[in-house]
Amino acid sequence: MPVVNVKIVKGRTVEQKRNLARAVTDAVAQTIDVKPDAVWVLIEEYEKENWAAGGELYSDSRALVPK
């Protein structure tokens, strides 16, 4: 049973997370030849002030904040 852990900044809709889970599941199932129901996708969300890229917190950079 493959388990995929996806870490994202909070702010995505349930529909976006649903689409993400489906796309990841499909990709893993096809790539390693397992049934989709054997694939687990765990989505961890983080506050913008707990995520940084390029030395800047997402909460400090409007350009990096997800839409």
C-alpha atoms as a PDB file:
ATOM      1  CA  MET A   1       0.000   0.000   0.000  1.00  0.00           C
ATOM      2  CA  PRO A   2       1.726   3.209  -1.134  1.00  0.00           C
ATOM      3  CA  VAL A   3       1.281   6.249   1.094  1.00  0.00           C
ATOM      4  CA  VAL A   4       1.900   9.719  -0.348  1.00  0.00           C
ATOM      5  CA  ASN A   5       2.263  12.675   2.007  1.00  0.00           C
ATOM      6  CA  VAL A   6       1.522  16.061   0.425  1.00  0.00           C
ATOM      7  CA  LYS A   7       2.392  19.191   2.401  1.00  0.00           C
ATOM      8  CA  ILE A   8       0.743  22.447   1.398  1.00  0.00           C
ATOM      9  CA  VAL A   9       0.109  25.909   2.745  1.00  0.00           C
ATOM     10  CA  LYS A  10      -3.454  26.381   3.986  1.00  0.00           C
ATOM     11  CA  GLY A  11      -5.835  28.129   1.656  1.00  0.00           C
ATOM     12  CA  ARG A  12      -6.906  25.528  -0.884  1.00  0.00           C
ATOM     13  CA  THR A  13     -10.550  24.594  -1.278  1.00  0.00           C
ATOM     14  CA  VAL A  14     -11.935  21.135  -0.576  1.00  0.00           C
ATOM     15  CA  GLU A  15     -12.478  20.755  -4.319  1.00  0.00           C
ATOM     16  CA  GLN A  16      -8.799  21.530  -5.023  1.00  0.00           C
ATOM     17  CA  LYS A  17      -7.711  18.990  -2.412  1.00  0.00           C
ATOM     18  CA  ARG A  18     -10.147  16.432  -3.840  1.00  0.00           C
ATOM     19  CA  ASN A  19      -8.640  16.972  -7.321  1.00  0.00           C
ATOM     20  CA  LEU A  20      -5.118  16.726  -5.912  1.00  0.00           C
ATOM     21  CA  ALA A  21      -5.914  13.438  -4.156  1.00  0.00           C
ATOM     22  CA  ARG A  22      -7.419  11.996  -7.358  1.00  0.00           C
ATOM     23  CA  ALA A  23      -4.495  13.102  -9.558  1.00  0.00           C
ATOM     24  CA  VAL A  24      -1.863  11.773  -7.144  1.00  0.00           C
ATOM     25  CA  THR A  25      -3.757   8.509  -6.715  1.00  0.00           C
ATOM     26  CA  ASP A  26      -4.078   8.017 -10.470  1.00  0.00           C
ATOM     27  CA  ALA A  27      -0.393   8.795 -11.078  1.00  0.00           C
ATOM     28  CA  VAL A  28       0.839   6.423  -8.377  1.00  0.00           C
ATOM     29  CA  ALA A  29      -1.550   3.639  -9.371  1.00  0.00           C
ATOM     30  CA  GLN A  30      -0.488   3.815 -13.020  1.00  0.00           C
ATOM     31  CA  THR A  31       3.214   4.235 -12.323  1.00  0.00           C
ATOM     32  CA  ILE A  32       3.669   1.319  -9.938  1.00  0.00           C
ATOM     33  CA  ASP A  33       0.765  -0.811 -11.190  1.00  0.00           C
ATOM     34  CA  VAL A  34      -1.445  -0.937  -8.098  1.00  0.00           C
ATOM     35  CA  LYS A  35      -5.180  -0.502  -7.720  1.00  0.00           C
ATOM     36  CA  PRO A  36      -6.244   3.058  -6.909  1.00  0.00           C
ATOM     37  CA  ASP A  37      -7.951   1.943  -3.703  1.00  0.00           C
ATOM     38  CA  ALA A  38      -4.561   0.755  -2.412  1.00  0.00           C
ATOM     39  CA  VAL A  39      -3.098   4.285  -2.614  1.00  0.00           C
ATOM     40  CA  TRP A  40      -3.352   6.545   0.430  1.00  0.00           C
ATOM     41  CA  VAL A  41      -2.878  10.301   0.086  1.00  0.00           C
ATOM     42  CA  LEU A  42      -2.306  12.333   3.245  1.00  0.00           C
ATOM     43  CA  ILE A  43      -2.621  16.096   2.947  1.00  0.00           C
ATOM     44  CA  GLU A  44      -0.937  18.156   5.650  1.00  0.00           C
ATOM     45  CA  GLU A  45      -1.720  21.857   5.771  1.00  0.00           C
ATOM     46  CA  TYR A  46       0.467  24.525   7.305  1.00  0.00           C
ATOM     47  CA  GLU A  47      -0.232  28.113   8.279  1.00  0.00           C
ATOM     48  CA  LYS A  48       1.422  30.652   5.983  1.00  0.00           C
ATOM     49  CA  GLU A  49       3.639  31.869   8.818  1.00  0.00           C
ATOM     50  CA  ASN A  50       5.028  28.329   9.224  1.00  0.00           C
ATOM     51  CA  TRP A  51       6.207  27.950   5.625  1.00  0.00           C
ATOM     52  CA  ALA A  52       9.112  29.700   3.943  1.00  0.00           C
ATOM     53  CA  ALA A  53      10.702  29.702   0.508  1.00  0.00           C
ATOM     54  CA  GLY A  54      13.766  31.596  -0.573  1.00  0.00           C
ATOM     55  CA  GLY A  55      14.264  32.846   2.970  1.00  0.00           C
ATOM     56  CA  GLU A  56      10.840  34.528   3.112  1.00  0.00           C
ATOM     57  CA  LEU A  57       7.794  33.441   5.047  1.00  0.00           C
ATOM     58  CA  TYR A  58       4.724  33.001   2.865  1.00  0.00           C
ATOM     59  CA  SER A  59       2.900  35.290   5.263  1.00  0.00           C
ATOM     60  CA  ASP A  60       5.409  38.059   4.443  1.00  0.00           C
ATOM     61  CA  SER A  61       5.358  37.709   0.675  1.00  0.00           C
ATOM     62  CA  ARG A  62       2.157  38.399  -1.244  1.00  0.00           C
ATOM     63  CA  ALA A  63       3.709  36.884  -4.390  1.00  0.00           C
ATOM     64  CA  LEU A  64       4.072  33.487  -2.711  1.00  0.00           C
ATOM     65  CA  VAL A  65       0.644  33.262  -1.091  1.00  0.00           C
ATOM     66  CA  PRO A  66      -1.548  30.684  -2.864  1.00  0.00           C
ATOM     67  CA  LYS A  67      -4.614  31.992  -4.638  1.00  0.00           C
END
